[in-house]
N, C-alpha and C. Protein backbone atom coordinates (compact mmCIF):
# COMPACT_ATOMS: atom_id res chain seq x y z
N UNK A 1 -2.73 17.49 -30.48
CA UNK A 1 -2.90 17.07 -29.32
C UNK A 1 -2.32 16.28 -28.19
N UNK A 2 -0.03 16.36 -27.57
CA UNK A 2 -0.54 15.85 -27.21
C UNK A 2 -1.65 15.16 -26.18
N UNK A 3 -1.65 13.95 -25.65
CA UNK A 3 -2.77 13.30 -24.65
C UNK A 3 -2.19 13.52 -22.60
N UNK A 4 -2.50 13.89 -21.98
CA UNK A 4 -2.41 13.82 -21.19
C UNK A 4 -1.96 12.26 -20.29
N UNK A 5 -0.93 12.79 -19.57
CA UNK A 5 -0.18 10.95 -19.29
C UNK A 5 -1.51 11.14 -17.97
N UNK A 6 -1.90 9.62 -17.54
CA UNK A 6 -2.65 9.24 -16.42
C UNK A 6 -2.73 9.51 -15.68
N UNK A 7 -3.39 10.03 -14.42
CA UNK A 7 -3.22 10.32 -12.72
C UNK A 7 -3.28 9.80 -11.91
N UNK A 8 -2.33 9.56 -10.98
CA UNK A 8 -2.57 8.60 -9.65
C UNK A 8 -2.41 9.08 -8.58
N UNK A 9 -3.48 8.36 -7.63
CA UNK A 9 -3.25 8.78 -6.12
C UNK A 9 -2.90 8.35 -5.84
N UNK A 10 -1.71 7.95 -4.77
CA UNK A 10 -1.41 7.25 -3.34
C UNK A 10 -1.74 7.28 -2.65
N UNK A 11 -1.99 6.01 -2.81
CA UNK A 11 -2.90 6.29 -0.10
C UNK A 11 -1.37 5.76 0.93
N UNK A 12 -0.78 7.01 1.81
CA UNK A 12 -0.29 5.68 2.27
C UNK A 12 -1.09 5.83 3.38
N UNK A 13 -0.90 4.64 4.33
CA UNK A 13 -2.20 4.69 5.64
C UNK A 13 -1.78 4.43 6.83
N UNK A 14 -2.19 4.82 8.51
CA UNK A 14 -1.51 3.44 9.06
C UNK A 14 -2.74 3.03 9.21
N UNK A 15 -2.41 1.46 10.10
CA UNK A 15 -3.27 0.84 10.52
C UNK A 15 -4.70 1.34 11.27
N UNK A 16 -5.87 1.25 10.65
CA UNK A 16 -6.86 1.88 11.69
C UNK A 16 -6.97 2.51 11.06
N UNK A 17 -6.34 3.55 9.91
CA UNK A 17 -6.98 5.09 10.16
C UNK A 17 -7.99 4.82 8.64
N UNK A 18 -8.90 3.94 8.40
CA UNK A 18 -9.67 3.49 7.24
C UNK A 18 -9.08 4.64 6.44
N UNK A 19 -7.11 4.29 5.76
CA UNK A 19 -6.65 4.32 4.40
C UNK A 19 -7.55 3.22 3.09
N UNK A 20 -8.17 2.05 3.41
CA UNK A 20 -8.34 1.18 2.14
C UNK A 20 -9.59 1.75 2.33
N UNK A 21 -10.33 2.37 3.30
CA UNK A 21 -11.20 2.33 2.70
C UNK A 21 -12.07 3.27 2.20
N UNK A 22 -10.95 4.85 2.36
CA UNK A 22 -11.22 6.26 1.92
C UNK A 22 -10.02 6.04 0.81
N UNK A 23 -9.41 5.73 0.31
CA UNK A 23 -8.68 5.03 -1.14
C UNK A 23 -10.31 4.45 -1.88
N UNK A 24 -10.58 3.80 -2.57
CA UNK A 24 -11.58 2.76 -2.26
C UNK A 24 -12.67 3.51 -2.83
N UNK A 25 -13.17 4.60 -2.19
CA UNK A 25 -14.35 5.01 -1.92
C UNK A 25 -14.04 6.51 -3.80
N UNK A 26 -12.33 6.86 -3.12
CA UNK A 26 -12.13 7.84 -3.96
C UNK A 26 -12.20 8.05 -5.47
N UNK A 27 -11.53 6.37 -5.19
CA UNK A 27 -11.14 5.86 -6.52
C UNK A 27 -12.61 5.64 -7.62
N UNK A 28 -13.90 5.47 -6.46
CA UNK A 28 -14.64 4.69 -7.59
C UNK A 28 -15.66 6.76 -7.96
N UNK A 29 -15.79 7.01 -6.85
CA UNK A 29 -15.94 9.36 -7.24
C UNK A 29 -15.21 9.12 -8.01
N UNK A 30 -14.05 8.98 -8.34
CA UNK A 30 -13.29 9.52 -9.34
C UNK A 30 -13.67 8.99 -11.09
N UNK A 31 -13.59 7.45 -10.54
CA UNK A 31 -14.11 6.50 -12.03
C UNK A 31 -12.56 5.84 -12.36
N UNK A 32 -11.46 5.97 -11.19
CA UNK A 32 -10.21 5.80 -11.12
C UNK A 32 -10.33 4.21 -10.80
N UNK A 33 -8.88 3.51 -11.51
CA UNK A 33 -8.85 2.17 -10.55
C UNK A 33 -8.02 1.86 -9.67
N UNK A 34 -8.92 1.14 -8.97
CA UNK A 34 -8.70 0.33 -7.46
C UNK A 34 -7.32 0.10 -7.34
N UNK A 35 -6.60 -0.10 -6.42
CA UNK A 35 -4.98 -0.66 -6.97
C UNK A 35 -4.65 -0.85 -5.78
N UNK A 36 -4.77 -2.66 -5.12
CA UNK A 36 -3.49 -2.93 -4.07
C UNK A 36 -3.46 -3.77 -3.32
N UNK A 37 -4.15 -5.55 -3.59
CA UNK A 37 -3.99 -6.86 -3.84
C UNK A 37 -3.92 -6.81 -4.97
N UNK A 38 -4.03 -5.84 -5.66
CA UNK A 38 -3.66 -6.33 -7.48
C UNK A 38 -1.78 -6.65 -7.98
N UNK A 39 -1.44 -6.05 -7.35
CA UNK A 39 0.09 -5.00 -7.12
C UNK A 39 0.59 -6.83 -6.41
N UNK A 40 0.46 -7.50 -5.82
CA UNK A 40 1.08 -7.90 -4.85
C UNK A 40 0.40 -9.68 -6.15
N UNK A 41 -0.52 -9.78 -6.18
CA UNK A 41 -0.52 -11.47 -6.81
C UNK A 41 -0.30 -10.99 -8.48
N UNK A 42 0.23 -9.71 -8.57
CA UNK A 42 0.25 -9.84 -10.64
C UNK A 42 2.59 -9.60 -10.28
N UNK A 43 2.60 -10.03 -8.77
CA UNK A 43 3.75 -10.04 -8.46
C UNK A 43 4.53 -11.35 -8.10
N UNK A 44 3.54 -11.63 -7.56
CA UNK A 44 3.75 -13.90 -7.34
C UNK A 44 3.70 -14.32 -9.17
N UNK A 45 2.55 -13.54 -10.23
CA UNK A 45 2.44 -14.15 -11.28
C UNK A 45 3.69 -14.31 -11.75
N UNK A 46 4.78 -13.00 -11.87
CA UNK A 46 5.68 -12.66 -12.31
C UNK A 46 6.52 -13.48 -11.66
N UNK A 47 6.53 -13.80 -10.54
CA UNK A 47 7.88 -14.59 -9.83
C UNK A 47 7.44 -16.38 -10.07
N UNK A 48 6.12 -16.70 -9.96
CA UNK A 48 5.66 -17.90 -10.53
C UNK A 48 5.95 -18.42 -9.02
N UNK A 49 4.95 -18.67 -8.21
CA UNK A 49 4.35 -18.84 -7.16
C UNK A 49 3.45 -18.34 -6.70
N UNK A 50 3.08 -18.74 -5.39
CA UNK A 50 1.57 -18.12 -4.65
C UNK A 50 1.84 -17.20 -4.42
N UNK A 51 0.20 -16.46 -4.07
CA UNK A 51 0.26 -14.67 -3.63
C UNK A 51 0.22 -15.21 -2.55
N UNK A 52 0.02 -16.29 -1.48
CA UNK A 52 0.27 -16.61 0.00
C UNK A 52 1.62 -16.33 0.51
N UNK A 53 2.71 -17.24 -0.35
CA UNK A 53 3.92 -16.85 -0.24
C UNK A 53 4.87 -15.63 0.65
N UNK A 54 3.75 -14.70 -0.31
CA UNK A 54 4.55 -13.24 -0.81
C UNK A 54 3.80 -12.51 0.59
N UNK A 55 1.98 -13.15 0.93
CA UNK A 55 1.89 -12.06 1.78
C UNK A 55 2.34 -11.52 2.96
N UNK A 56 3.14 -12.45 2.89
CA UNK A 56 3.79 -11.99 4.96
C UNK A 56 5.34 -11.25 4.93
N UNK A 57 5.90 -11.22 3.89
CA UNK A 57 6.93 -10.17 3.29
C UNK A 57 6.08 -9.18 2.72
N UNK A 58 5.33 -8.28 2.93
CA UNK A 58 4.38 -7.57 1.88
C UNK A 58 4.80 -6.28 3.00
N UNK A 59 5.60 -5.60 1.81
CA UNK A 59 5.63 -3.68 3.61
C UNK A 59 6.71 -4.27 4.39
N UNK A 60 7.41 -5.54 3.94
CA UNK A 60 8.47 -5.41 4.97
C UNK A 60 9.21 -5.31 4.61
N UNK A 61 10.09 -5.40 5.71
CA UNK A 61 12.22 -5.50 5.05
C UNK A 61 13.12 -6.18 6.23
N UNK A 62 12.77 -7.32 6.58
CA UNK A 62 13.43 -8.30 7.55
C UNK A 62 13.70 -9.01 7.30
N UNK A 63 15.04 -8.53 5.76
CA UNK A 63 16.19 -9.47 5.40
C UNK A 63 15.98 -10.68 3.71
N UNK A 64 16.30 -11.88 3.61
CA UNK A 64 15.67 -12.74 2.62
C UNK A 64 14.31 -13.50 3.00
N UNK A 65 14.09 -13.41 2.13
CA UNK A 65 12.54 -14.56 2.19
C UNK A 65 12.78 -16.00 2.48
N UNK A 66 13.12 -16.08 3.09
CA UNK A 66 13.96 -17.58 3.56
C UNK A 66 13.10 -18.30 3.68
N UNK A 67 12.20 -18.60 4.36
CA UNK A 67 10.84 -19.87 4.44
C UNK A 67 10.52 -19.86 3.33
N UNK A 68 10.44 -18.91 2.14
CA UNK A 68 9.73 -19.55 0.81
C UNK A 68 10.58 -19.76 0.50
N UNK A 69 12.51 -19.70 0.41
CA UNK A 69 13.07 -20.66 0.31
C UNK A 69 13.08 -22.04 0.27
N UNK A 70 13.60 -21.63 1.88
CA UNK A 70 13.48 -23.66 2.65
C UNK A 70 12.41 -23.69 2.37
N UNK A 71 11.29 -23.69 1.51
CA UNK A 71 9.92 -24.83 1.80
C UNK A 71 9.94 -25.71 0.19
N UNK A 72 10.52 -24.37 -0.81
CA UNK A 72 11.42 -25.02 -1.98
C UNK A 72 12.20 -26.77 -1.92
N UNK A 73 13.44 -26.34 -0.63
CA UNK A 73 14.25 -26.97 -0.86
C UNK A 73 13.64 -28.74 0.29
N UNK A 74 12.36 -28.15 1.75
CA UNK A 74 12.45 -29.27 2.69
C UNK A 74 11.09 -29.45 1.90
N UNK A 75 10.16 -28.98 0.70
CA UNK A 75 8.78 -29.40 0.76
C UNK A 75 8.01 -29.50 2.30
N UNK A 76 7.83 -28.30 2.25
CA UNK A 76 7.11 -28.94 4.00
C UNK A 76 4.94 -28.29 3.20
N UNK A 77 4.50 -29.05 4.00
CA UNK A 77 2.84 -29.47 3.12
C UNK A 77 2.39 -27.76 2.32
N UNK A 78 2.42 -26.69 3.17
CA UNK A 78 2.41 -25.92 2.20
C UNK A 78 2.23 -25.35 1.34
N UNK A 79 4.01 -25.57 1.17
CA UNK A 79 4.46 -25.09 -0.61
C UNK A 79 5.18 -26.44 -1.49
N UNK A 80 4.41 -27.77 -1.27
CA UNK A 80 4.87 -28.73 -2.06
C UNK A 80 4.48 -29.14 -3.25
N UNK A 81 3.19 -27.88 -3.85
CA UNK A 81 2.82 -28.24 -4.35
C UNK A 81 2.93 -26.79 -5.07
N UNK A 82 3.53 -25.87 -4.79
CA UNK A 82 3.93 -24.64 -5.40
C UNK A 82 5.41 -24.19 -6.27
N UNK A 83 5.31 -23.85 -7.70
CA UNK A 83 6.26 -23.82 -8.47
C UNK A 83 7.98 -23.45 -7.45
N UNK A 84 9.02 -23.75 -8.18
CA UNK A 84 9.63 -23.05 -6.63
C UNK A 84 10.24 -21.64 -7.84
N UNK A 85 11.22 -20.45 -7.04
CA UNK A 85 11.03 -19.76 -7.35
C UNK A 85 12.85 -19.74 -8.02
N UNK A 86 13.18 -19.47 -9.32
CA UNK A 86 14.64 -19.77 -10.12
C UNK A 86 15.88 -18.64 -9.30
N UNK A 87 14.96 -18.07 -8.64
CA UNK A 87 16.25 -17.85 -7.43
C UNK A 87 16.00 -17.41 -6.46
N UNK A 88 16.77 -16.89 -5.06
CA UNK A 88 16.13 -16.35 -3.73
C UNK A 88 16.47 -15.04 -4.04
N UNK A 89 15.10 -14.58 -3.23
CA UNK A 89 13.86 -13.28 -3.66
C UNK A 89 14.39 -12.60 -2.41
N UNK A 90 14.89 -10.81 -2.73
CA UNK A 90 14.96 -10.56 -1.82
C UNK A 90 13.79 -9.28 -1.26
N UNK A 91 13.93 -8.53 -0.07
CA UNK A 91 12.90 -7.88 0.66
C UNK A 91 12.95 -6.52 -0.83
N UNK A 92 13.85 -6.09 -0.95
CA UNK A 92 14.43 -4.85 -2.10
C UNK A 92 14.02 -4.91 -3.30
N UNK A 93 14.67 -6.54 -4.24
CA UNK A 93 14.24 -7.21 -5.41
C UNK A 93 12.47 -6.81 -5.45
N UNK A 94 11.79 -7.59 -4.23
CA UNK A 94 10.10 -7.56 -4.67
C UNK A 94 9.52 -6.42 -4.64
N UNK A 95 10.01 -5.05 -3.56
CA UNK A 95 10.08 -4.09 -3.78
C UNK A 95 10.00 -3.23 -5.50
N UNK A 96 11.47 -3.61 -5.46
CA UNK A 96 11.29 -2.98 -6.78
C UNK A 96 10.21 -3.30 -8.25
N UNK A 97 10.22 -5.01 -7.98
CA UNK A 97 9.31 -5.27 -8.92
C UNK A 97 8.20 -4.87 -8.54
N UNK A 98 7.73 -4.43 -6.99
CA UNK A 98 6.29 -3.93 -7.24
C UNK A 98 6.20 -2.51 -7.75
N UNK A 99 7.27 -2.05 -7.67
CA UNK A 99 7.01 -0.47 -8.56
C UNK A 99 6.98 -0.64 -9.61
N UNK A 100 7.22 -1.64 -10.29
CA UNK A 100 7.39 -1.63 -11.60
C UNK A 100 5.98 -1.66 -12.03
N UNK A 101 5.67 -2.89 -11.39
CA UNK A 101 4.13 -3.08 -11.77
C UNK A 101 3.43 -1.78 -11.31
N UNK A 102 3.11 -1.01 -10.24
CA UNK A 102 2.61 -0.28 -9.93
C UNK A 102 3.24 1.08 -10.83
N UNK A 103 4.51 1.34 -11.87
CA UNK A 103 4.83 1.73 -13.22
C UNK A 103 3.59 2.00 -14.40
N UNK A 104 3.78 0.01 -14.32
CA UNK A 104 2.66 -0.63 -15.45
C UNK A 104 0.95 -0.27 -15.21
N UNK A 105 0.99 -0.10 -14.48
CA UNK A 105 -0.69 -0.20 -14.22
C UNK A 105 -0.92 1.42 -14.63
N UNK A 106 -0.29 2.99 -13.53
CA UNK A 106 -0.53 3.99 -14.44
C UNK A 106 -0.69 4.16 -15.80
N UNK A 107 -0.09 3.41 -16.33
CA UNK A 107 1.09 3.67 -17.36
C UNK A 107 -0.33 3.28 -18.60
N UNK A 108 -1.25 2.56 -17.88
CA UNK A 108 -2.72 1.88 -18.95
C UNK A 108 -3.83 3.11 -17.76
N UNK A 109 -3.85 3.16 -16.90
CA UNK A 109 -5.35 3.24 -15.93
C UNK A 109 -4.94 4.99 -14.76
N UNK A 110 -5.33 5.48 -14.88
CA UNK A 110 -5.99 6.29 -13.82
C UNK A 110 -6.22 5.44 -12.71
N UNK A 111 -5.02 5.91 -11.22
CA UNK A 111 -5.61 4.65 -10.63
C UNK A 111 -5.41 5.04 -8.98
N UNK A 112 -5.82 4.97 -8.19
CA UNK A 112 -5.66 5.36 -6.91
C UNK A 112 -5.12 3.69 -6.36
N UNK A 113 -4.22 4.30 -5.71
CA UNK A 113 -2.70 2.85 -4.81
C UNK A 113 -2.60 3.10 -3.79
N UNK A 114 -2.84 1.96 -3.63
CA UNK A 114 -3.16 2.13 -1.58
C UNK A 114 -1.28 1.57 -1.11
N UNK A 115 -0.80 2.35 -0.42
CA UNK A 115 0.29 1.29 0.15
C UNK A 115 1.58 0.86 -0.57
N UNK A 116 2.67 0.02 -0.31
CA UNK A 116 3.66 -0.46 -0.37
C UNK A 116 4.54 0.56 -1.29
N UNK A 117 4.63 1.79 -0.39
CA UNK A 117 5.57 2.96 -0.47
C UNK A 117 5.39 3.83 -2.03
N UNK A 118 3.71 3.64 -2.99
CA UNK A 118 3.71 4.13 -4.14
C UNK A 118 4.00 5.50 -3.84
N UNK A 119 3.84 6.74 -2.57
CA UNK A 119 4.77 7.79 -3.17
C UNK A 119 5.85 7.50 -3.53
N UNK A 120 6.80 6.42 -3.44
CA UNK A 120 8.06 6.82 -3.21
C UNK A 120 8.23 6.19 -4.93
N UNK A 121 7.70 4.79 -4.72
CA UNK A 121 8.42 5.07 -6.33
C UNK A 121 7.14 4.67 -7.29
N UNK A 122 6.72 6.56 -7.28
CA UNK A 122 6.03 6.98 -7.92
C UNK A 122 6.64 8.81 -8.23
N UNK A 123 6.90 8.77 -7.63
CA UNK A 123 7.77 10.50 -7.56
C UNK A 123 8.29 11.38 -8.07
N UNK A 124 8.64 10.56 -9.75
CA UNK A 124 8.51 11.39 -10.35
C UNK A 124 7.95 11.17 -11.82
N UNK A 125 6.52 10.84 -12.03
CA UNK A 125 5.69 11.19 -12.79
C UNK A 125 5.17 11.53 -12.52
N UNK A 126 4.64 12.69 -13.68
CA UNK A 126 3.36 13.91 -13.51
C UNK A 126 2.49 13.37 -13.29
N UNK A 127 1.64 13.74 -12.52
CA UNK A 127 0.21 14.31 -12.34
C UNK A 127 0.59 12.74 -10.54
N UNK A 128 0.76 12.98 -10.18
CA UNK A 128 0.46 12.37 -9.22
C UNK A 128 0.16 12.49 -7.44
N UNK A 129 -0.64 12.82 -7.22
CA UNK A 129 -1.05 13.27 -5.98
C UNK A 129 -0.78 12.45 -5.02
N UNK A 130 -0.22 12.49 -3.13
CA UNK A 130 0.51 11.76 -2.74
C UNK A 130 -0.55 12.59 -1.16
N UNK A 131 -1.00 11.39 -0.11
CA UNK A 131 -1.45 11.13 0.26
C UNK A 131 -1.80 10.66 1.40
N UNK A 132 -1.45 10.79 2.87
CA UNK A 132 -0.42 10.06 4.07
C UNK A 132 -2.34 10.32 4.87
N UNK A 133 -2.97 9.43 5.66
CA UNK A 133 -3.76 8.98 5.63
C UNK A 133 -3.32 8.59 7.27
N UNK A 134 -4.11 8.67 8.31
CA UNK A 134 -3.10 9.49 9.64
C UNK A 134 -4.58 9.39 10.84
N UNK A 135 -4.16 8.66 12.09
CA UNK A 135 -5.78 9.17 13.10
C UNK A 135 -4.31 8.89 14.56
N UNK A 136 -5.34 9.68 15.69
CA UNK A 136 -5.19 8.73 16.53
C UNK A 136 -5.27 7.39 16.77
N UNK A 137 -3.35 7.28 17.56
CA UNK A 137 -3.42 6.07 18.26
C UNK A 137 -5.28 5.15 19.42
N UNK A 138 -5.52 5.60 19.63
CA UNK A 138 -6.97 5.33 20.67
C UNK A 138 -7.98 5.26 19.90
N UNK A 139 -8.02 5.70 18.51
CA UNK A 139 -8.79 5.88 17.28
C UNK A 139 -8.25 4.63 16.22
N UNK A 140 -7.52 4.52 16.56
CA UNK A 140 -7.40 3.08 15.62
C UNK A 140 -7.30 1.62 16.29
N UNK A 141 -6.50 1.16 17.29
CA UNK A 141 -6.52 0.70 18.67
C UNK A 141 -8.11 0.67 18.24
N UNK A 142 -9.16 1.13 18.70
CA UNK A 142 -11.03 0.48 18.45
C UNK A 142 -11.45 0.00 16.84
N UNK A 143 -10.72 1.09 16.58
CA UNK A 143 -10.98 0.19 14.71
C UNK A 143 -10.71 -1.21 14.42
N UNK A 144 -9.39 -1.19 14.27
CA UNK A 144 -8.63 -2.26 14.25
C UNK A 144 -9.99 -3.66 15.83
N UNK A 145 -9.95 -2.99 16.26
CA UNK A 145 -10.36 -4.55 17.31
C UNK A 145 -12.37 -5.14 17.39
N UNK A 146 -12.99 -3.44 16.70
CA UNK A 146 -14.22 -4.12 15.95
C UNK A 146 -14.16 -5.12 14.73
N UNK A 147 -13.31 -4.36 13.86
CA UNK A 147 -12.66 -4.75 12.05
C UNK A 147 -12.64 -6.64 12.69
N UNK A 148 -11.49 -6.50 13.52
CA UNK A 148 -10.87 -8.29 13.43
C UNK A 148 -11.94 -9.31 15.01
N UNK A 149 -12.66 -8.11 15.39
CA UNK A 149 -13.54 -8.91 16.87
C UNK A 149 -12.26 -9.03 18.00
N UNK A 150 -11.12 -8.41 18.27
CA UNK A 150 -10.51 -8.41 19.35
C UNK A 150 -11.14 -7.31 20.74
N UNK A 151 -11.01 -8.21 21.58
CA UNK A 151 -11.92 -8.50 22.54
C UNK A 151 -10.58 -7.44 23.93
N UNK A 152 -9.30 -8.09 23.23
CA UNK A 152 -8.97 -7.08 24.51
C UNK A 152 -8.12 -6.74 23.77
N UNK A 153 -8.02 -5.10 25.14
CA UNK A 153 -7.44 -3.86 24.84
C UNK A 153 -6.38 -3.89 23.86
N UNK A 154 -5.74 -4.49 25.25
CA UNK A 154 -4.24 -4.42 24.49
C UNK A 154 -3.68 -5.82 23.92
N UNK A 155 -3.72 -6.79 23.49
CA UNK A 155 -3.59 -6.93 22.23
C UNK A 155 -3.49 -6.14 20.18
N UNK A 156 -4.84 -5.16 20.55
CA UNK A 156 -5.30 -4.57 19.46
C UNK A 156 -4.09 -3.82 18.88
N UNK A 157 -3.51 -3.24 20.39
CA UNK A 157 -3.31 -2.00 20.46
C UNK A 157 -1.33 -2.10 20.38
N UNK A 158 -1.06 -3.80 20.84
CA UNK A 158 0.09 -4.27 20.14
C UNK A 158 -0.01 -4.37 19.00
N UNK A 159 -0.53 -4.79 17.60
CA UNK A 159 -1.02 -5.33 15.94
C UNK A 159 -1.09 -3.65 16.10
N UNK A 160 -1.98 -3.06 15.81
CA UNK A 160 -1.51 -1.27 15.82
C UNK A 160 0.36 -1.00 15.58
N UNK A 161 0.44 -0.79 16.87
CA UNK A 161 2.01 -0.34 17.16
C UNK A 161 2.96 -1.26 15.93
N UNK A 162 2.65 -3.06 16.50
CA UNK A 162 3.88 -3.10 15.35
C UNK A 162 3.57 -3.45 13.83
N UNK A 163 2.55 -2.53 13.79
CA UNK A 163 2.25 -2.41 12.22
C UNK A 163 3.08 -0.53 12.13
N UNK A 164 3.19 -0.26 12.84
CA UNK A 164 3.44 1.09 12.43
C UNK A 164 5.24 1.13 12.51
N UNK A 165 5.57 0.11 12.85
CA UNK A 165 6.95 0.45 13.18
C UNK A 165 7.40 -0.57 12.10
N UNK A 166 6.51 -2.02 11.56
CA UNK A 166 6.93 -2.31 10.17
C UNK A 166 7.02 -1.81 9.61
N UNK A 167 6.09 -0.55 8.71
CA UNK A 167 6.01 -0.03 7.76
C UNK A 167 7.01 1.40 8.00
N UNK A 168 7.07 1.29 8.55
CA UNK A 168 8.27 2.88 9.22
C UNK A 168 10.02 1.82 8.76
N UNK A 169 9.85 0.91 9.71
CA UNK A 169 11.16 -0.05 9.12
C UNK A 169 11.66 0.37 7.25
N UNK A 170 9.93 -0.73 6.84
CA UNK A 170 9.88 -0.96 5.62
C UNK A 170 10.35 -0.01 4.78
N UNK A 171 9.78 0.92 5.04
CA UNK A 171 10.21 3.07 3.55
C UNK A 171 11.46 3.53 4.33
N UNK A 172 11.72 3.46 4.93
CA UNK A 172 13.65 3.49 5.11
C UNK A 172 14.12 2.40 4.74
N UNK A 173 14.29 1.03 4.67
CA UNK A 173 14.89 0.54 4.51
C UNK A 173 14.88 0.33 2.21
N UNK A 174 13.44 0.09 2.70
CA UNK A 174 13.28 1.02 1.28
C UNK A 174 13.70 1.89 0.05
N UNK A 175 13.08 3.16 0.64
CA UNK A 175 13.48 4.67 0.10
C UNK A 175 14.70 5.51 0.16
N UNK A 176 14.66 5.17 2.03
CA UNK A 176 15.08 5.53 2.72
C UNK A 176 14.64 7.52 3.07
N UNK A 177 14.04 7.13 3.61
CA UNK A 177 12.78 8.56 3.95
C UNK A 177 12.24 8.27 5.18
N UNK A 178 11.60 9.38 6.36
CA UNK A 178 11.16 8.41 7.39
C UNK A 178 9.40 8.61 6.52
N UNK A 179 8.38 7.56 6.39
CA UNK A 179 7.22 7.32 6.58
C UNK A 179 5.91 8.33 6.77
N UNK A 180 6.34 9.05 8.07
CA UNK A 180 5.46 9.91 8.64
C UNK A 180 5.77 10.83 8.56
N UNK A 181 6.92 11.53 7.77
CA UNK A 181 7.39 12.66 7.51
C UNK A 181 5.99 13.07 6.53
N UNK A 182 6.10 14.80 6.55
CA UNK A 182 4.49 15.63 5.82
C UNK A 182 5.32 15.86 4.90
N UNK A 183 7.02 16.18 4.38
CA UNK A 183 6.76 16.33 3.09
C UNK A 183 6.89 15.18 1.96
N UNK A 184 6.02 14.30 2.71
CA UNK A 184 6.57 13.28 1.04
C UNK A 184 5.22 13.28 0.44
N UNK A 185 4.84 14.18 1.27
CA UNK A 185 3.44 14.14 0.71
C UNK A 185 2.40 15.35 -0.01
N UNK A 186 1.46 15.86 0.28
CA UNK A 186 0.76 16.55 -0.54
C UNK A 186 -0.39 17.30 0.12
N UNK A 187 -0.77 15.68 0.66
CA UNK A 187 -1.86 16.26 1.47
C UNK A 187 -2.22 14.85 2.57
N UNK A 188 -2.51 15.17 3.62
CA UNK A 188 -2.41 14.31 5.18
C UNK A 188 -3.02 14.97 5.82
N UNK A 189 -4.02 13.89 6.63
CA UNK A 189 -5.67 13.89 7.06
C UNK A 189 -6.18 12.79 7.75
N UNK A 190 -6.60 13.93 9.15
CA UNK A 190 -7.05 12.85 10.40
C UNK A 190 -8.32 12.23 9.87
N UNK A 191 -8.34 10.97 10.11
CA UNK A 191 -9.37 10.06 9.68
C UNK A 191 -10.38 10.28 11.16
N UNK A 192 -10.00 10.90 11.81
CA UNK A 192 -10.67 10.63 13.03
C UNK A 192 -11.65 11.79 13.33
N UNK A 193 -10.61 13.25 13.27
CA UNK A 193 -10.83 14.43 13.16
C UNK A 193 -12.00 14.80 11.77
N UNK A 194 -11.65 14.54 10.79
CA UNK A 194 -12.28 14.97 10.22
C UNK A 194 -13.54 13.83 9.41
N UNK A 195 -13.27 13.15 9.46
CA UNK A 195 -14.29 11.49 9.09
C UNK A 195 -13.81 11.41 7.36
N UNK A 196 -14.03 10.19 6.80
CA UNK A 196 -14.50 9.12 6.16
C UNK A 196 -14.38 9.83 5.06
N UNK A 197 -16.01 10.73 5.38
CA UNK A 197 -16.33 11.79 3.58
C UNK A 197 -16.75 12.52 3.55
N UNK A 198 -15.63 13.18 4.55
CA UNK A 198 -14.53 14.80 4.12
C UNK A 198 -13.24 13.77 3.06
N UNK A 199 -13.19 13.24 3.83
CA UNK A 199 -11.26 12.46 3.85
C UNK A 199 -11.57 12.31 1.80
N UNK A 200 -12.64 11.44 1.97
CA UNK A 200 -12.54 11.59 0.81
C UNK A 200 -13.42 12.20 -0.65
N UNK A 201 -14.15 13.05 0.12
CA UNK A 201 -14.35 14.79 -0.61
C UNK A 201 -12.89 15.24 -0.90
N UNK A 202 -12.10 15.53 0.14
CA UNK A 202 -11.09 16.51 0.10
C UNK A 202 -9.53 15.58 -1.26
N UNK A 203 -9.66 14.18 -1.49
CA UNK A 203 -8.68 13.76 -2.52
C UNK A 203 -9.73 14.18 -3.79
N UNK A 204 -10.63 13.89 -3.64
CA UNK A 204 -11.66 14.39 -5.46
C UNK A 204 -11.69 15.62 -5.41
N UNK A 205 -11.51 16.39 -4.66
CA UNK A 205 -11.88 17.51 -5.68
C UNK A 205 -10.72 18.10 -5.61
N UNK A 206 -8.90 18.08 -4.67
CA UNK A 206 -7.73 17.94 -4.97
C UNK A 206 -7.28 16.91 -6.70
N UNK A 207 -8.09 15.97 -6.62
CA UNK A 207 -7.57 15.17 -7.88
C UNK A 207 -8.09 16.19 -9.16
N UNK A 208 -9.60 16.79 -9.12
CA UNK A 208 -9.85 17.25 -9.87
C UNK A 208 -10.18 18.92 -10.35
N UNK A 209 -9.45 18.98 -8.30
CA UNK A 209 -8.78 20.86 -9.22
C UNK A 209 -7.04 20.61 -10.38
N UNK A 210 -6.83 19.90 -10.20
CA UNK A 210 -5.44 19.53 -10.78
C UNK A 210 -5.72 18.34 -12.13
N UNK A 211 -7.17 18.59 -12.33
CA UNK A 211 -8.00 18.48 -14.25
C UNK A 211 -9.49 18.19 -13.93
N UNK A 212 -9.13 19.41 -15.01
CA UNK A 212 -10.94 20.38 -14.83
C UNK A 212 -11.96 19.03 -15.41
N UNK A 213 -10.96 17.86 -16.41
CA UNK A 213 -11.22 17.01 -17.42
C UNK A 213 -12.64 16.44 -16.04
N UNK A 214 -12.27 15.87 -15.14
CA UNK A 214 -12.83 15.43 -14.10
C UNK A 214 -13.68 15.38 -13.30
N UNK A 215 -14.03 16.81 -13.63
CA UNK A 215 -15.34 17.98 -12.89
C UNK A 215 -16.56 17.18 -13.07
């Protein structure tokens, strides 16, 4: 009998909605691999550079990664000890590399993958459940202020709104679709209304209905 391919659950999330936490708990409940920063670490490994240099460009689309390249040419203290990139890396190149890394992970494991346009990168695979976690702005600002110990509500709101703009632009530039379009997803969850435990249960139940062996 032909073995079923691994299952993937992709979690797209608004900043402050709790998508990371929900994804982690769902992976734990399902016995799946939880994947987030591992993708960026593997990309840095393949580029023979430091992950900290890629972090500020991850899920962004503002042109060429010029500051990385400049660092190698001018030998700034932050990058002097990092092996140079063989060639300039563009955001689209980084996104394509991360997409290949995601496919490689799902080839080996059933996984919950958070962010990095996983819903689009894995769209042609079978057994992929695409989830979008969102919440009202006030809920997200309040949560980010608590998590990051921010006292100024205006600062918290600015951080969240900038994250929304950045992710919307990244998805539009890389995938050609609007990030918050419900047609991209099988399941959209308002974390403020449902609560984190119910969001996790809904994701787990949907995965199990699509694979009785997970029950």
